[in-house]
Amino acid sequence: MGDSNLSNADLLKSVLEPLLEDFQYWFERYRQILENERIQFMSEQEQLNLLKRVKDAQNELNTAKMLFKATDQEVGIDMATVMPWHQLVTECWVVGMRLGQSKE
């Protein structure tokens, strides 16, 4: 089991910081794909809508990361904020899998 002496701030940093970095990685990866590739199985409007949602999520994420750092990593992020990011990343993964299959 983990260190029971781990402070709440250390625990928050050890869990939340990597999670935010993961979201940043996936949002940036799919932003690049959506901006630079024409995804044939999506309408142009669907692709633009997904790109907009990814950009909006990136902006929210950047704000959350700034607040997290400004508070010396002592403030968490509400699950009501994180869950839509998770759903969006999952949606992007599905698009990515279909895109990979369509290129085979």
N, C-alpha and C. Protein backbone atom coordinates (compact mmCIF):
# COMPACT_ATOMS: atom_id res chain seq x y z
N MET A 1 0.83 -1.17 0.00
CA MET A 1 0.00 0.00 0.00
C MET A 1 0.88 1.24 0.00
N GLY A 2 0.34 2.39 -0.37
CA GLY A 2 1.11 3.61 -0.48
C GLY A 2 1.52 4.17 0.87
N ASP A 3 2.30 5.21 0.84
CA ASP A 3 2.79 5.88 2.03
C ASP A 3 1.65 6.61 2.71
N SER A 4 1.31 6.23 3.94
CA SER A 4 0.20 6.86 4.64
C SER A 4 0.58 8.26 5.11
N ASN A 5 1.86 8.60 5.05
CA ASN A 5 2.32 9.93 5.43
C ASN A 5 2.28 10.91 4.28
N LEU A 6 1.85 10.45 3.11
CA LEU A 6 1.79 11.31 1.94
C LEU A 6 0.76 12.42 2.20
N SER A 7 1.16 13.66 2.03
CA SER A 7 0.25 14.78 2.28
C SER A 7 -0.81 14.84 1.19
N ASN A 8 -1.89 15.52 1.50
CA ASN A 8 -2.95 15.69 0.50
C ASN A 8 -2.42 16.38 -0.74
N ALA A 9 -1.56 17.38 -0.56
CA ALA A 9 -1.00 18.10 -1.70
C ALA A 9 -0.12 17.18 -2.54
N ASP A 10 0.68 16.33 -1.87
CA ASP A 10 1.54 15.40 -2.62
C ASP A 10 0.71 14.36 -3.35
N LEU A 11 -0.33 13.89 -2.69
CA LEU A 11 -1.22 12.91 -3.32
C LEU A 11 -1.91 13.54 -4.53
N LEU A 12 -2.40 14.75 -4.35
CA LEU A 12 -3.06 15.45 -5.46
C LEU A 12 -2.10 15.64 -6.62
N LYS A 13 -0.87 16.05 -6.30
CA LYS A 13 0.12 16.26 -7.35
C LYS A 13 0.46 14.95 -8.05
N SER A 14 0.60 13.86 -7.30
CA SER A 14 1.00 12.59 -7.89
C SER A 14 -0.09 11.99 -8.77
N VAL A 15 -1.34 12.34 -8.53
CA VAL A 15 -2.44 11.81 -9.33
C VAL A 15 -2.88 12.79 -10.41
N LEU A 16 -3.09 14.04 -10.01
CA LEU A 16 -3.69 15.01 -10.93
C LEU A 16 -2.70 15.50 -11.99
N GLU A 17 -1.48 15.74 -11.60
CA GLU A 17 -0.51 16.27 -12.57
C GLU A 17 -0.32 15.34 -13.77
N PRO A 18 -0.09 14.02 -13.56
CA PRO A 18 0.03 13.13 -14.73
C PRO A 18 -1.26 13.03 -15.54
N LEU A 19 -2.40 13.10 -14.87
CA LEU A 19 -3.67 13.05 -15.58
C LEU A 19 -3.82 14.26 -16.51
N LEU A 20 -3.48 15.43 -16.01
CA LEU A 20 -3.55 16.64 -16.84
C LEU A 20 -2.58 16.57 -18.00
N GLU A 21 -1.40 16.01 -17.77
CA GLU A 21 -0.42 15.86 -18.85
C GLU A 21 -0.94 14.88 -19.91
N ASP A 22 -1.60 13.81 -19.47
CA ASP A 22 -2.19 12.87 -20.43
C ASP A 22 -3.24 13.55 -21.29
N PHE A 23 -4.13 14.30 -20.66
CA PHE A 23 -5.14 15.02 -21.43
C PHE A 23 -4.49 15.96 -22.43
N GLN A 24 -3.46 16.67 -21.98
CA GLN A 24 -2.77 17.60 -22.87
C GLN A 24 -2.19 16.86 -24.08
N TYR A 25 -1.56 15.72 -23.83
CA TYR A 25 -0.98 14.94 -24.92
C TYR A 25 -2.04 14.53 -25.92
N TRP A 26 -3.14 13.92 -25.46
CA TRP A 26 -4.15 13.41 -26.38
C TRP A 26 -4.88 14.52 -27.11
N PHE A 27 -5.20 15.61 -26.42
CA PHE A 27 -5.87 16.72 -27.10
C PHE A 27 -4.97 17.30 -28.20
N GLU A 28 -3.70 17.47 -27.90
CA GLU A 28 -2.79 18.02 -28.91
C GLU A 28 -2.62 17.05 -30.07
N ARG A 29 -2.50 15.78 -29.79
CA ARG A 29 -2.35 14.78 -30.85
C ARG A 29 -3.55 14.81 -31.80
N TYR A 30 -4.73 14.80 -31.24
CA TYR A 30 -5.92 14.77 -32.10
C TYR A 30 -6.22 16.12 -32.72
N ARG A 31 -5.80 17.19 -32.09
CA ARG A 31 -5.93 18.50 -32.73
C ARG A 31 -5.12 18.51 -34.02
N GLN A 32 -3.89 18.00 -33.96
CA GLN A 32 -3.03 17.96 -35.15
C GLN A 32 -3.66 17.10 -36.25
N ILE A 33 -4.19 15.95 -35.87
CA ILE A 33 -4.83 15.08 -36.86
C ILE A 33 -6.02 15.77 -37.50
N LEU A 34 -6.87 16.36 -36.67
CA LEU A 34 -8.09 16.99 -37.18
C LEU A 34 -7.79 18.22 -38.03
N GLU A 35 -6.71 18.91 -37.73
CA GLU A 35 -6.34 20.09 -38.50
C GLU A 35 -5.63 19.74 -39.81
N ASN A 36 -4.95 18.60 -39.84
CA ASN A 36 -4.08 18.31 -40.98
C ASN A 36 -4.51 17.17 -41.87
N GLU A 37 -5.54 16.43 -41.49
CA GLU A 37 -6.01 15.32 -42.31
C GLU A 37 -7.50 15.48 -42.59
N ARG A 38 -7.88 15.06 -43.75
CA ARG A 38 -9.31 14.99 -44.08
C ARG A 38 -9.76 13.59 -43.73
N ILE A 39 -10.67 13.48 -42.77
CA ILE A 39 -11.15 12.18 -42.30
C ILE A 39 -12.38 11.82 -43.12
N GLN A 40 -12.21 10.84 -43.99
CA GLN A 40 -13.22 10.51 -45.00
C GLN A 40 -14.54 9.99 -44.43
N PHE A 41 -14.50 9.31 -43.29
CA PHE A 41 -15.73 8.75 -42.75
C PHE A 41 -16.53 9.74 -41.91
N MET A 42 -16.03 10.96 -41.82
CA MET A 42 -16.75 12.05 -41.13
C MET A 42 -17.09 13.12 -42.16
N SER A 43 -18.23 13.77 -41.95
CA SER A 43 -18.51 14.92 -42.80
C SER A 43 -17.55 16.04 -42.40
N GLU A 44 -17.37 16.98 -43.27
CA GLU A 44 -16.49 18.10 -42.96
C GLU A 44 -16.97 18.82 -41.70
N GLN A 45 -18.29 18.97 -41.58
CA GLN A 45 -18.84 19.65 -40.40
C GLN A 45 -18.61 18.85 -39.12
N GLU A 46 -18.73 17.53 -39.20
CA GLU A 46 -18.45 16.69 -38.02
C GLU A 46 -16.99 16.84 -37.59
N GLN A 47 -16.10 16.86 -38.57
CA GLN A 47 -14.68 17.00 -38.26
C GLN A 47 -14.40 18.37 -37.64
N LEU A 48 -15.00 19.42 -38.21
CA LEU A 48 -14.82 20.77 -37.65
C LEU A 48 -15.39 20.88 -36.25
N ASN A 49 -16.54 20.24 -36.01
CA ASN A 49 -17.15 20.26 -34.69
C ASN A 49 -16.27 19.55 -33.66
N LEU A 50 -15.72 18.40 -34.04
CA LEU A 50 -14.83 17.68 -33.14
C LEU A 50 -13.57 18.51 -32.87
N LEU A 51 -13.03 19.12 -33.90
CA LEU A 51 -11.85 19.98 -33.72
C LEU A 51 -12.17 21.13 -32.76
N LYS A 52 -13.31 21.75 -32.91
CA LYS A 52 -13.69 22.85 -32.01
C LYS A 52 -13.80 22.37 -30.58
N ARG A 53 -14.40 21.19 -30.37
CA ARG A 53 -14.53 20.66 -29.02
C ARG A 53 -13.16 20.33 -28.42
N VAL A 54 -12.24 19.84 -29.25
CA VAL A 54 -10.88 19.57 -28.76
C VAL A 54 -10.19 20.88 -28.38
N LYS A 55 -10.30 21.90 -29.21
CA LYS A 55 -9.70 23.20 -28.90
C LYS A 55 -10.30 23.80 -27.63
N ASP A 56 -11.62 23.70 -27.49
CA ASP A 56 -12.28 24.21 -26.28
C ASP A 56 -11.79 23.47 -25.04
N ALA A 57 -11.66 22.15 -25.15
CA ALA A 57 -11.16 21.35 -24.03
C ALA A 57 -9.72 21.72 -23.70
N GLN A 58 -8.92 21.98 -24.72
CA GLN A 58 -7.53 22.41 -24.48
C GLN A 58 -7.50 23.72 -23.71
N ASN A 59 -8.37 24.64 -24.07
CA ASN A 59 -8.43 25.92 -23.35
C ASN A 59 -8.83 25.71 -21.89
N GLU A 60 -9.84 24.87 -21.66
CA GLU A 60 -10.26 24.56 -20.30
C GLU A 60 -9.12 23.91 -19.52
N LEU A 61 -8.45 22.97 -20.17
CA LEU A 61 -7.35 22.26 -19.54
C LEU A 61 -6.22 23.21 -19.18
N ASN A 62 -5.88 24.10 -20.09
CA ASN A 62 -4.81 25.07 -19.82
C ASN A 62 -5.17 25.95 -18.63
N THR A 63 -6.42 26.36 -18.53
CA THR A 63 -6.87 27.16 -17.39
C THR A 63 -6.76 26.36 -16.10
N ALA A 64 -7.20 25.10 -16.14
CA ALA A 64 -7.13 24.24 -14.95
C ALA A 64 -5.68 24.04 -14.53
N LYS A 65 -4.78 23.84 -15.50
CA LYS A 65 -3.36 23.65 -15.17
C LYS A 65 -2.76 24.91 -14.56
N MET A 66 -3.14 26.08 -15.07
CA MET A 66 -2.64 27.33 -14.51
C MET A 66 -3.11 27.50 -13.06
N LEU A 67 -4.38 27.20 -12.80
CA LEU A 67 -4.90 27.31 -11.44
C LEU A 67 -4.23 26.31 -10.51
N PHE A 68 -4.01 25.10 -11.01
CA PHE A 68 -3.35 24.06 -10.23
C PHE A 68 -1.96 24.52 -9.83
N LYS A 69 -1.22 25.10 -10.76
CA LYS A 69 0.13 25.57 -10.47
C LYS A 69 0.11 26.83 -9.60
N ALA A 70 -0.84 27.72 -9.85
CA ALA A 70 -0.92 28.97 -9.08
C ALA A 70 -1.25 28.73 -7.62
N THR A 71 -1.89 27.60 -7.33
CA THR A 71 -2.25 27.28 -5.94
C THR A 71 -1.26 26.29 -5.33
N ASP A 72 -0.07 26.21 -5.89
CA ASP A 72 0.96 25.28 -5.43
C ASP A 72 0.45 23.85 -5.39
N GLN A 73 -0.36 23.50 -6.39
CA GLN A 73 -0.88 22.14 -6.58
C GLN A 73 -1.69 21.65 -5.39
N GLU A 74 -2.43 22.58 -4.78
CA GLU A 74 -3.25 22.23 -3.63
C GLU A 74 -4.74 22.27 -3.93
N VAL A 75 -5.10 22.52 -5.18
CA VAL A 75 -6.51 22.58 -5.55
C VAL A 75 -6.77 21.51 -6.60
N GLY A 76 -7.83 20.74 -6.36
CA GLY A 76 -8.19 19.69 -7.31
C GLY A 76 -9.08 20.22 -8.41
N ILE A 77 -9.54 19.31 -9.25
CA ILE A 77 -10.44 19.65 -10.34
C ILE A 77 -11.68 18.78 -10.19
N ASP A 78 -12.82 19.40 -10.26
CA ASP A 78 -14.10 18.71 -10.10
C ASP A 78 -14.27 17.64 -11.18
N MET A 79 -14.82 16.51 -10.78
CA MET A 79 -15.07 15.43 -11.74
C MET A 79 -16.04 15.88 -12.85
N ALA A 80 -16.90 16.83 -12.56
CA ALA A 80 -17.82 17.34 -13.59
C ALA A 80 -17.05 18.03 -14.71
N THR A 81 -15.84 18.47 -14.43
CA THR A 81 -14.97 19.05 -15.44
C THR A 81 -14.17 17.97 -16.16
N VAL A 82 -13.68 17.02 -15.42
CA VAL A 82 -12.80 15.98 -15.97
C VAL A 82 -13.55 14.98 -16.84
N MET A 83 -14.76 14.61 -16.46
CA MET A 83 -15.49 13.58 -17.20
C MET A 83 -15.73 13.94 -18.67
N PRO A 84 -16.14 15.16 -19.00
CA PRO A 84 -16.28 15.50 -20.42
C PRO A 84 -14.95 15.41 -21.19
N TRP A 85 -13.84 15.72 -20.53
CA TRP A 85 -12.54 15.57 -21.18
C TRP A 85 -12.27 14.10 -21.47
N HIS A 86 -12.57 13.28 -20.50
CA HIS A 86 -12.37 11.83 -20.68
C HIS A 86 -13.24 11.31 -21.82
N GLN A 87 -14.49 11.74 -21.87
CA GLN A 87 -15.39 11.31 -22.94
C GLN A 87 -14.90 11.79 -24.30
N LEU A 88 -14.37 13.00 -24.35
CA LEU A 88 -13.86 13.54 -25.61
C LEU A 88 -12.62 12.78 -26.07
N VAL A 89 -11.73 12.46 -25.14
CA VAL A 89 -10.54 11.68 -25.51
C VAL A 89 -10.97 10.31 -26.02
N THR A 90 -11.94 9.69 -25.37
CA THR A 90 -12.44 8.40 -25.81
C THR A 90 -13.03 8.50 -27.21
N GLU A 91 -13.79 9.55 -27.47
CA GLU A 91 -14.35 9.77 -28.81
C GLU A 91 -13.23 9.94 -29.84
N CYS A 92 -12.19 10.65 -29.48
CA CYS A 92 -11.05 10.84 -30.38
C CYS A 92 -10.34 9.52 -30.64
N TRP A 93 -10.21 8.68 -29.61
CA TRP A 93 -9.57 7.37 -29.80
C TRP A 93 -10.35 6.53 -30.80
N VAL A 94 -11.68 6.59 -30.73
CA VAL A 94 -12.52 5.83 -31.67
C VAL A 94 -12.27 6.34 -33.09
N VAL A 95 -12.22 7.65 -33.25
CA VAL A 95 -11.93 8.23 -34.56
C VAL A 95 -10.54 7.78 -35.02
N GLY A 96 -9.58 7.82 -34.12
CA GLY A 96 -8.23 7.39 -34.47
C GLY A 96 -8.15 5.93 -34.88
N MET A 97 -8.88 5.07 -34.18
CA MET A 97 -8.89 3.64 -34.55
C MET A 97 -9.52 3.45 -35.93
N ARG A 98 -10.64 4.13 -36.17
CA ARG A 98 -11.28 4.02 -37.48
C ARG A 98 -10.38 4.58 -38.58
N LEU A 99 -9.70 5.66 -38.28
CA LEU A 99 -8.79 6.26 -39.26
C LEU A 99 -7.66 5.29 -39.58
N GLY A 100 -7.11 4.66 -38.57
CA GLY A 100 -6.05 3.68 -38.78
C GLY A 100 -6.54 2.50 -39.61
N GLN A 101 -7.74 2.02 -39.34
CA GLN A 101 -8.31 0.90 -40.09
C GLN A 101 -8.57 1.28 -41.54
N SER A 102 -8.98 2.52 -41.75
CA SER A 102 -9.29 2.95 -43.13
C SER A 102 -8.03 3.09 -43.97
N LYS A 103 -6.86 3.22 -43.30
CA LYS A 103 -5.60 3.37 -44.03
C LYS A 103 -4.95 2.03 -44.34
N GLU A 104 -5.49 0.95 -43.74
CA GLU A 104 -4.90 -0.38 -43.97
C GLU A 104 -5.24 -0.93 -45.33
